[in-house]
Amino acid sequence: MKDWERKCITTNKSALCDAINLKDGKILAALETAEILTEDESDLVSMHLPLRIKANNEMLNLLMKRTKGYEELMKILADLKQDKAYNILKTCKEKCEPKDNKEQQESVAKQIKSLEDEVDGPDPIKKVVVKRPDKHMNFEKDYYRLPVKGKGLVLLINVIIFNRLCRKKTKQLVDIKPRASARRDTENLISLFSEIGYEIYKKDIILKKEVWTANEIKAFVEKFKAHCNQTDVASTVVFVGSHGKDGMIFGSDWKPVFIKKDIVNKYNTENCEKLLNKPKIFIIQACQRFEDENDEDDDMHGDEDDEPYTPNFDNYGVVKATISGFPAKRNTDVGSILVHFLTKALMENAHYLPFKKIIKLVNDNVKQYEYEPLEAGKFQGGQVIEADLLQLKKLYFNLEPEYP
């Protein structure tokens, strides 16, 4: 939270504590949905009810530690027509907010990486252009001999819209915001892999479909596997984006899809013989926390319920947006941090670097990215991607020269 925002809340805390009504639970639910408060923090505030002043004071203290606490609280108060509290914040904002936004600009400038500065305009999909080599590419001996065109197939599943979620502890149904920024991931990846020489499987469906139940995800993975078994493809790329936790992703219905059992292992040499000795890349854009607010069932677990990568699996690589136990970050303007930097790295380096080195570049950039502007001198740590690429030989994308 900015200094002037914190000052506004501190100065007007008594009036805000008297004006804000938390009894119906809607404010706390909205703050959870906006990922400003965790479920545990929301429960902590609720414990102080019906002591209204004490509960509001606890909530405001938590919000003052959040970058967007002031902004989100104002928005929620307006939506819920709690006009008295909203007007207190609005009036203070009009008086105290720096007119030239100098503080915000200085804070953004201090970011280790500013994604907003790196995006090529408001419509990045039209700007995704992969750099071409000056001449035909030369490779080391042990590498995949992908054709210049027709390199293989790409499966994209991106879950954008979710059902209402029943909180495990409170049994309260809450609305979940769509993963709206993830739409840019779909656009970027379609444009990127098309440029490199891949065919997008069922592209028309992928562009339109935003609701994917767990069973629909599993069925689509099976259809893609069957298609690969009937087609002589040189390689495959599978991307799945959603909310998730350790070892799994969620469908729109909040049912689990296990990463190993339900996705990766479907393409082993037993299930998909046509992909024997061919590179298979899996990219998972989802949080991998150990426990989170999505645990509506005590029997819903992560890796312990998933199976290991089967021994009859060759030439595969799995890239996850984050390591076990941690969230995966998205940006409202550019989409997920992983896909953004993957797109940039392939655009700039696919003409001479193998895939493993490209992923190292991606990880270096992802680690350095600061998710949100904080106060001057205070930084928020980046995420670390997880990549299992030991089974892969050197994978070059063998692009056509710019000047043949």
Protein backbone atom coordinates (compact mmCIF):
# COMPACT_ATOMS: atom_id res chain seq x y z
CA MET A 1 0.00 0.00 0.00
CA LYS A 2 1.25 3.47 -0.85
CA ASP A 3 2.18 5.88 1.91
CA TRP A 4 -0.73 8.23 1.18
CA GLU A 5 -3.20 5.32 1.19
CA ARG A 6 -1.89 4.07 4.52
CA LYS A 7 -2.14 7.59 5.91
CA CYS A 8 -5.77 7.87 4.74
CA ILE A 9 -6.74 4.65 6.51
CA THR A 10 -4.81 5.48 9.68
CA THR A 11 -6.30 8.98 9.90
CA ASN A 12 -9.85 7.78 9.25
CA LYS A 13 -9.65 4.39 10.94
CA SER A 14 -12.15 5.22 13.69
CA ALA A 15 -14.74 6.45 11.16
CA LEU A 16 -14.11 3.47 8.85
CA CYS A 17 -14.46 0.97 11.71
CA ASP A 18 -17.80 2.51 12.55
CA ALA A 19 -19.01 2.65 8.91
CA ILE A 20 -17.99 -0.73 7.44
CA ASN A 21 -20.46 -3.62 7.86
CA LEU A 22 -18.88 -7.08 7.79
CA LYS A 23 -21.82 -9.07 9.18
CA ASP A 24 -23.03 -10.60 5.89
CA GLY A 25 -19.52 -11.78 4.99
CA LYS A 26 -19.63 -10.27 1.50
CA ILE A 27 -16.68 -7.90 1.96
CA LEU A 28 -14.41 -10.66 3.26
CA ALA A 29 -15.51 -13.04 0.50
CA ALA A 30 -14.79 -10.37 -2.13
CA LEU A 31 -11.35 -9.67 -0.64
CA GLU A 32 -10.56 -13.40 -0.80
CA THR A 33 -11.74 -13.60 -4.41
CA ALA A 34 -9.50 -10.63 -5.28
CA GLU A 35 -6.63 -12.49 -3.54
CA ILE A 36 -6.13 -9.60 -1.10
CA LEU A 37 -6.87 -11.75 1.96
CA THR A 38 -6.31 -15.46 2.44
CA GLU A 39 -9.05 -17.69 3.84
CA ASP A 40 -7.18 -17.93 7.15
CA GLU A 41 -6.93 -14.14 7.39
CA SER A 42 -10.62 -13.82 6.60
CA ASP A 43 -11.40 -16.33 9.36
CA LEU A 44 -9.22 -14.35 11.77
CA VAL A 45 -11.25 -11.20 11.09
CA SER A 46 -14.54 -13.10 11.42
CA MET A 47 -13.53 -14.38 14.84
CA HIS A 48 -13.83 -10.83 16.20
CA LEU A 49 -17.46 -10.50 15.14
CA PRO A 50 -19.96 -9.42 16.44
CA LEU A 51 -17.50 -6.87 17.88
CA ARG A 52 -17.76 -4.65 14.79
CA ILE A 53 -15.02 -2.15 15.66
CA LYS A 54 -12.50 -4.85 16.54
CA ALA A 55 -13.22 -6.91 13.40
CA ASN A 56 -12.95 -3.86 11.13
CA ASN A 57 -9.73 -2.78 12.82
CA GLU A 58 -8.20 -6.22 12.23
CA MET A 59 -9.24 -6.18 8.56
CA LEU A 60 -7.85 -2.67 7.96
CA ASN A 61 -4.54 -3.62 9.59
CA LEU A 62 -4.25 -6.53 7.15
CA LEU A 63 -5.21 -4.40 4.15
CA MET A 64 -2.51 -1.85 4.96
CA LYS A 65 0.04 -4.61 4.29
CA ARG A 66 -1.34 -5.29 0.79
CA THR A 67 -0.26 -3.42 -2.34
CA LYS A 68 -3.80 -3.09 -3.70
CA GLY A 69 -5.66 -3.14 -0.38
CA TYR A 70 -6.97 0.43 -0.61
CA GLU A 71 -8.01 0.18 -4.25
CA GLU A 72 -9.81 -3.15 -3.83
CA LEU A 73 -11.59 -2.09 -0.64
CA MET A 74 -12.91 1.05 -2.38
CA LYS A 75 -14.16 -1.02 -5.30
CA ILE A 76 -15.85 -3.59 -3.04
CA LEU A 77 -17.51 -0.92 -0.89
CA ALA A 78 -18.88 0.74 -4.03
CA ASP A 79 -20.18 -2.58 -5.41
CA LEU A 80 -21.90 -3.41 -2.13
CA LYS A 81 -23.31 0.13 -1.79
CA GLN A 82 -21.68 0.77 1.57
CA ASP A 83 -21.67 4.44 0.67
CA LYS A 84 -20.57 5.94 3.97
CA ALA A 85 -17.31 4.01 4.13
CA TYR A 86 -16.75 4.37 0.39
CA ASN A 87 -17.12 8.17 0.54
CA ILE A 88 -14.58 8.38 3.39
CA LEU A 89 -11.97 6.64 1.24
CA LYS A 90 -12.95 8.51 -1.91
CA THR A 91 -12.73 11.94 -0.25
CA CYS A 92 -9.37 11.16 1.28
CA LYS A 93 -8.07 9.86 -2.05
CA GLU A 94 -9.08 13.07 -3.82
CA LYS A 95 -7.20 15.13 -1.22
CA CYS A 96 -4.09 13.01 -0.73
CA GLU A 97 -3.30 11.14 -3.95
CA PRO A 98 -0.27 12.70 -5.71
CA LYS A 99 -1.57 14.46 -8.82
CA ASP A 100 1.33 13.41 -11.02
CA ASN A 101 1.40 9.83 -9.66
CA LYS A 102 5.09 10.44 -9.02
CA GLU A 103 5.22 7.95 -6.15
CA GLN A 104 3.75 5.17 -8.26
CA GLN A 105 6.11 5.90 -11.15
CA GLU A 106 9.13 5.80 -8.85
CA SER A 107 7.94 2.52 -7.34
CA VAL A 108 7.46 0.90 -10.75
CA ALA A 109 10.87 2.17 -11.85
CA LYS A 110 12.46 0.30 -8.96
CA GLN A 111 11.14 -3.04 -10.16
CA ILE A 112 13.78 -5.55 -11.13
CA LYS A 113 11.65 -6.26 -14.21
CA SER A 114 8.65 -4.28 -15.40
CA LEU A 115 6.50 -6.45 -17.65
CA GLU A 116 4.42 -3.48 -18.77
CA ASP A 117 7.52 -1.94 -20.36
CA GLU A 118 8.40 -5.17 -22.17
CA VAL A 119 5.12 -5.83 -23.97
CA ASP A 120 5.02 -4.67 -27.60
CA GLY A 121 1.79 -2.72 -27.52
CA PRO A 122 -1.80 -3.46 -26.53
CA ASP A 123 -2.26 -6.44 -28.82
CA PRO A 124 0.84 -8.67 -28.36
CA ILE A 125 -0.44 -11.54 -30.47
CA LYS A 126 0.06 -9.45 -33.60
CA LYS A 127 3.59 -8.68 -32.50
CA VAL A 128 4.79 -12.25 -31.95
CA VAL A 129 7.46 -12.58 -34.64
CA VAL A 130 10.13 -15.25 -34.26
CA LYS A 131 13.64 -14.21 -35.27
CA ARG A 132 14.98 -16.24 -38.20
CA PRO A 133 18.58 -17.40 -38.73
CA ASP A 134 20.67 -15.79 -41.47
CA LYS A 135 21.52 -19.19 -42.96
CA HIS A 136 20.57 -22.82 -42.54
CA MET A 137 21.10 -23.93 -38.95
CA ASN A 138 23.93 -26.30 -37.98
CA PHE A 139 23.41 -28.76 -35.13
CA GLU A 140 25.44 -31.09 -32.95
CA LYS A 141 25.17 -34.83 -33.62
CA ASP A 142 22.66 -35.93 -30.98
CA TYR A 143 19.56 -33.86 -31.66
CA TYR A 144 15.98 -34.24 -32.86
CA ARG A 145 15.73 -33.83 -36.61
CA LEU A 146 12.53 -31.79 -36.80
CA PRO A 147 11.41 -30.63 -40.23
CA VAL A 148 11.40 -26.89 -40.97
CA LYS A 149 7.64 -27.05 -41.50
CA GLY A 150 5.21 -29.49 -39.92
CA LYS A 151 7.18 -29.86 -36.68
CA GLY A 152 4.23 -31.42 -34.91
CA LEU A 153 1.04 -30.73 -32.97
CA VAL A 154 0.24 -28.43 -30.06
CA LEU A 155 -2.60 -29.04 -27.59
CA LEU A 156 -3.74 -25.96 -25.64
CA ILE A 157 -6.22 -26.15 -22.75
CA ASN A 158 -6.72 -22.93 -20.80
CA VAL A 159 -9.39 -22.86 -18.08
CA ILE A 160 -10.66 -19.28 -17.78
CA ILE A 161 -14.06 -19.46 -16.06
CA PHE A 162 -14.84 -21.33 -12.83
CA ASN A 163 -17.94 -22.34 -10.91
CA ARG A 164 -18.64 -20.82 -7.52
CA LEU A 165 -16.36 -22.31 -4.89
CA CYS A 166 -17.49 -23.80 -1.58
CA ARG A 167 -14.98 -22.91 1.13
CA LYS A 168 -13.92 -25.96 3.08
CA LYS A 169 -13.98 -24.32 6.51
CA THR A 170 -16.97 -21.99 6.27
CA LYS A 171 -19.03 -23.90 3.63
CA GLN A 172 -19.67 -20.49 2.07
CA LEU A 173 -20.15 -20.26 -1.70
CA VAL A 174 -17.99 -17.54 -3.24
CA ASP A 175 -17.67 -16.23 -6.79
CA ILE A 176 -14.27 -16.71 -8.42
CA LYS A 177 -13.01 -14.12 -10.89
CA PRO A 178 -12.24 -15.45 -14.37
CA ARG A 179 -8.57 -15.86 -15.26
CA ALA A 180 -9.12 -13.13 -17.81
CA SER A 181 -5.43 -12.35 -18.38
CA ALA A 182 -4.87 -16.01 -19.32
CA ARG A 183 -6.66 -15.34 -22.62
CA ARG A 184 -3.48 -13.59 -23.70
CA ASP A 185 -1.53 -16.79 -22.96
CA THR A 186 -3.71 -18.65 -25.45
CA GLU A 187 -3.22 -15.97 -28.09
CA ASN A 188 0.54 -15.77 -27.53
CA LEU A 189 1.05 -19.52 -27.67
CA ILE A 190 -1.08 -20.02 -30.79
CA SER A 191 0.81 -17.27 -32.58
CA LEU A 192 4.20 -18.42 -31.31
CA PHE A 193 3.97 -22.10 -32.17
CA SER A 194 2.31 -21.39 -35.51
CA GLU A 195 5.31 -19.18 -36.38
CA ILE A 196 7.76 -21.91 -35.37
CA GLY A 197 6.05 -24.48 -37.60
CA TYR A 198 3.51 -26.35 -35.44
CA GLU A 199 -0.15 -27.07 -36.07
CA ILE A 200 -2.58 -26.11 -33.29
CA TYR A 201 -4.92 -29.02 -32.54
CA LYS A 202 -8.62 -28.02 -32.81
CA LYS A 203 -7.66 -24.34 -32.96
CA ASP A 204 -11.25 -23.09 -33.43
CA ILE A 205 -12.35 -24.85 -30.24
CA ILE A 206 -9.33 -23.64 -28.27
CA LEU A 207 -10.00 -20.00 -29.14
CA LYS A 208 -13.63 -20.14 -28.02
CA LYS A 209 -13.75 -22.57 -25.10
CA GLU A 210 -13.21 -21.03 -21.65
CA VAL A 211 -15.10 -23.51 -19.44
CA TRP A 212 -13.39 -26.89 -19.04
CA THR A 213 -14.66 -29.38 -16.48
CA ALA A 214 -12.15 -31.92 -15.19
CA ASN A 215 -13.79 -34.66 -17.28
CA GLU A 216 -13.68 -32.47 -20.40
CA ILE A 217 -9.96 -31.87 -19.89
CA LYS A 218 -9.31 -35.60 -19.51
CA ALA A 219 -11.45 -36.41 -22.57
CA PHE A 220 -9.67 -33.81 -24.72
CA VAL A 221 -6.28 -35.16 -23.63
CA GLU A 222 -7.46 -38.64 -24.69
CA LYS A 223 -8.68 -37.36 -28.08
CA PHE A 224 -5.35 -35.67 -28.70
CA LYS A 225 -3.52 -38.87 -27.77
CA ALA A 226 -5.69 -40.88 -30.19
CA HIS A 227 -5.05 -38.32 -32.94
CA CYS A 228 -1.28 -38.54 -32.35
CA ASN A 229 -1.49 -42.34 -32.58
CA GLN A 230 -3.13 -42.03 -36.00
CA THR A 231 -0.78 -39.35 -37.33
CA ASP A 232 2.93 -39.33 -38.04
CA VAL A 233 3.93 -36.25 -36.04
CA ALA A 234 7.54 -35.24 -35.38
CA SER A 235 6.89 -33.84 -31.89
CA THR A 236 4.13 -32.66 -29.54
CA VAL A 237 3.59 -29.78 -27.13
CA VAL A 238 0.83 -29.92 -24.48
CA PHE A 239 -0.06 -26.76 -22.53
CA VAL A 240 -2.58 -26.70 -19.67
CA GLY A 241 -3.41 -23.53 -17.72
CA SER A 242 -5.72 -23.26 -14.70
CA HIS A 243 -5.81 -22.85 -10.94
CA GLY A 244 -4.05 -25.69 -9.18
CA LYS A 245 -2.19 -27.14 -6.22
CA ASP A 246 0.68 -29.54 -5.76
CA GLY A 247 0.55 -32.21 -8.45
CA MET A 248 -2.79 -31.22 -9.98
CA ILE A 249 -4.78 -28.59 -11.83
CA PHE A 250 -8.50 -27.85 -11.43
CA GLY A 251 -11.31 -27.94 -13.97
CA SER A 252 -14.00 -25.25 -14.01
CA ASP A 253 -15.98 -27.50 -11.64
CA TRP A 254 -13.06 -27.55 -9.14
CA LYS A 255 -12.52 -31.27 -9.69
CA PRO A 256 -8.85 -32.32 -9.89
CA VAL A 257 -6.87 -33.38 -12.94
CA PHE A 258 -3.58 -35.01 -11.92
CA ILE A 259 -0.61 -33.75 -13.91
CA LYS A 260 1.23 -37.07 -14.17
CA LYS A 261 -1.60 -39.62 -14.22
CA ASP A 262 -4.19 -37.74 -16.29
CA ILE A 263 -1.95 -35.75 -18.63
CA VAL A 264 1.75 -36.65 -18.96
CA ASN A 265 1.56 -40.43 -18.67
CA LYS A 266 -1.11 -40.61 -21.36
CA TYR A 267 1.68 -40.07 -23.89
CA ASN A 268 4.12 -42.75 -22.76
CA THR A 269 5.34 -45.39 -25.20
CA GLU A 270 2.64 -47.85 -24.14
CA ASN A 271 -0.28 -45.46 -24.58
CA CYS A 272 1.07 -43.57 -27.58
CA GLU A 273 3.39 -45.73 -29.66
CA LYS A 274 3.60 -43.25 -32.53
CA LEU A 275 5.48 -40.83 -30.24
CA LEU A 276 8.27 -43.31 -29.49
CA ASN A 277 11.68 -41.57 -29.67
CA LYS A 278 10.00 -38.23 -30.40
CA PRO A 279 10.14 -35.14 -28.17
CA LYS A 280 7.09 -34.48 -26.01
CA ILE A 281 6.89 -31.16 -24.15
CA PHE A 282 4.36 -30.50 -21.34
CA ILE A 283 3.86 -26.96 -19.99
CA ILE A 284 1.73 -26.48 -16.85
CA GLN A 285 0.65 -22.95 -15.91
CA ALA A 286 -0.92 -23.29 -12.45
CA CYS A 287 -0.19 -22.72 -8.79
CA GLN A 288 1.38 -25.69 -7.01
CA ARG A 289 0.62 -24.80 -3.39
CA PHE A 290 0.43 -27.65 -0.87
CA GLU A 291 -2.86 -26.47 0.65
CA ASP A 292 -5.19 -23.67 -0.40
CA GLU A 293 -8.75 -22.44 -0.35
CA ASN A 294 -9.77 -24.87 -3.09
CA ASP A 295 -9.57 -27.89 -0.75
CA GLU A 296 -13.30 -28.52 -0.45
CA ASP A 297 -12.72 -32.25 0.10
CA ASP A 298 -10.47 -33.79 2.75
CA ASP A 299 -9.63 -36.57 0.29
CA MET A 300 -8.30 -34.18 -2.37
CA HIS A 301 -4.52 -34.44 -2.32
CA GLY A 302 -1.67 -33.75 -4.69
CA ASP A 303 1.33 -35.89 -5.57
CA GLU A 304 0.51 -38.64 -3.10
CA ASP A 305 -2.57 -39.55 -5.17
CA ASP A 306 -0.76 -39.07 -8.47
CA GLU A 307 1.38 -41.76 -10.05
CA PRO A 308 5.07 -41.28 -10.93
CA TYR A 309 6.26 -40.84 -14.49
CA THR A 310 6.11 -44.36 -15.88
CA PRO A 311 9.35 -46.16 -16.78
CA ASN A 312 8.19 -46.69 -20.37
CA PHE A 313 8.37 -42.97 -20.99
CA ASP A 314 11.08 -41.53 -23.21
CA ASN A 315 12.08 -38.18 -24.67
CA TYR A 316 9.78 -35.96 -22.60
CA GLY A 317 10.13 -32.63 -20.82
CA VAL A 318 7.79 -31.16 -18.19
CA VAL A 319 7.87 -27.43 -17.41
CA LYS A 320 5.75 -26.13 -14.51
CA ALA A 321 5.24 -22.45 -13.83
CA THR A 322 6.39 -22.87 -10.25
CA ILE A 323 7.87 -25.37 -7.82
CA SER A 324 5.79 -27.39 -5.34
CA GLY A 325 4.26 -25.35 -2.56
CA PHE A 326 4.22 -21.98 -4.36
CA PRO A 327 1.84 -19.84 -6.44
CA ALA A 328 2.24 -19.08 -10.15
CA LYS A 329 1.93 -15.41 -11.04
CA ARG A 330 -0.12 -13.68 -13.70
CA ASN A 331 -0.20 -10.05 -14.80
CA THR A 332 -3.45 -8.38 -15.83
CA ASP A 333 -1.81 -6.82 -18.91
CA VAL A 334 0.46 -9.54 -20.26
CA GLY A 335 -0.94 -12.83 -18.97
CA SER A 336 1.03 -15.41 -17.02
CA ILE A 337 4.65 -14.61 -16.26
CA LEU A 338 5.85 -18.01 -17.51
CA VAL A 339 4.12 -17.76 -20.90
CA HIS A 340 5.17 -14.14 -21.36
CA PHE A 341 8.87 -14.89 -20.90
CA LEU A 342 8.66 -18.19 -22.79
CA THR A 343 7.16 -16.34 -25.75
CA LYS A 344 9.90 -13.70 -25.62
CA ALA A 345 12.70 -16.23 -25.22
CA LEU A 346 11.56 -18.31 -28.21
CA MET A 347 10.98 -15.22 -30.34
CA GLU A 348 14.52 -13.99 -29.69
CA ASN A 349 16.53 -17.23 -29.39
CA ALA A 350 14.83 -20.12 -31.21
CA HIS A 351 17.04 -19.46 -34.23
CA TYR A 352 20.14 -20.76 -32.46
CA LEU A 353 19.51 -22.08 -28.91
CA PRO A 354 18.21 -25.56 -27.93
CA PHE A 355 15.07 -25.81 -25.81
CA LYS A 356 16.90 -26.55 -22.53
CA LYS A 357 18.92 -23.35 -22.75
CA ILE A 358 15.81 -21.39 -23.69
CA ILE A 359 14.08 -22.68 -20.54
CA LYS A 360 17.08 -21.59 -18.47
CA LEU A 361 16.69 -18.07 -19.89
CA VAL A 362 12.98 -18.18 -19.07
CA ASN A 363 13.67 -19.24 -15.49
CA ASP A 364 16.27 -16.49 -15.03
CA ASN A 365 13.74 -13.87 -16.14
CA VAL A 366 10.85 -15.32 -14.15
CA LYS A 367 12.96 -15.38 -10.95
CA GLN A 368 13.81 -11.70 -11.34
CA TYR A 369 10.32 -10.46 -12.13
CA GLU A 370 8.62 -8.44 -9.40
CA TYR A 371 4.89 -9.19 -9.33
CA GLU A 372 3.55 -5.83 -8.14
CA PRO A 373 5.05 -2.41 -7.37
CA LEU A 374 5.66 -2.08 -3.64
CA GLU A 375 6.94 0.83 -1.57
CA ALA A 376 10.30 2.26 -2.59
CA GLY A 377 13.12 -0.05 -1.55
CA LYS A 378 10.85 -3.00 -0.76
CA PHE A 379 10.76 -5.90 -3.18
CA GLN A 380 8.57 -8.95 -3.55
CA GLY A 381 10.35 -12.17 -4.53
CA GLY A 382 9.88 -13.81 -7.91
CA GLN A 383 8.83 -17.38 -8.63
CA VAL A 384 11.01 -20.29 -9.72
CA ILE A 385 9.85 -22.59 -12.49
CA GLU A 386 10.25 -26.37 -12.26
CA ALA A 387 11.67 -28.11 -15.31
CA ASP A 388 12.27 -31.85 -15.75
CA LEU A 389 14.17 -32.05 -19.04
CA LEU A 390 16.63 -34.88 -18.37
CA GLN A 391 14.93 -37.20 -20.86
CA LEU A 392 15.32 -34.74 -23.74
CA LYS A 393 18.13 -34.64 -26.25
CA LYS A 394 18.98 -31.30 -27.82
CA LEU A 395 15.74 -29.90 -29.24
CA TYR A 396 16.20 -27.20 -31.87
CA PHE A 397 13.26 -25.69 -33.71
CA ASN A 398 15.10 -25.65 -37.07
CA LEU A 399 13.73 -22.40 -38.49
CA GLU A 400 13.80 -21.34 -42.10
CA PRO A 401 16.56 -18.81 -42.88
CA GLU A 402 15.43 -15.23 -43.24
CA TYR A 403 17.34 -14.98 -46.52
CA PRO A 404 17.32 -18.42 -48.15
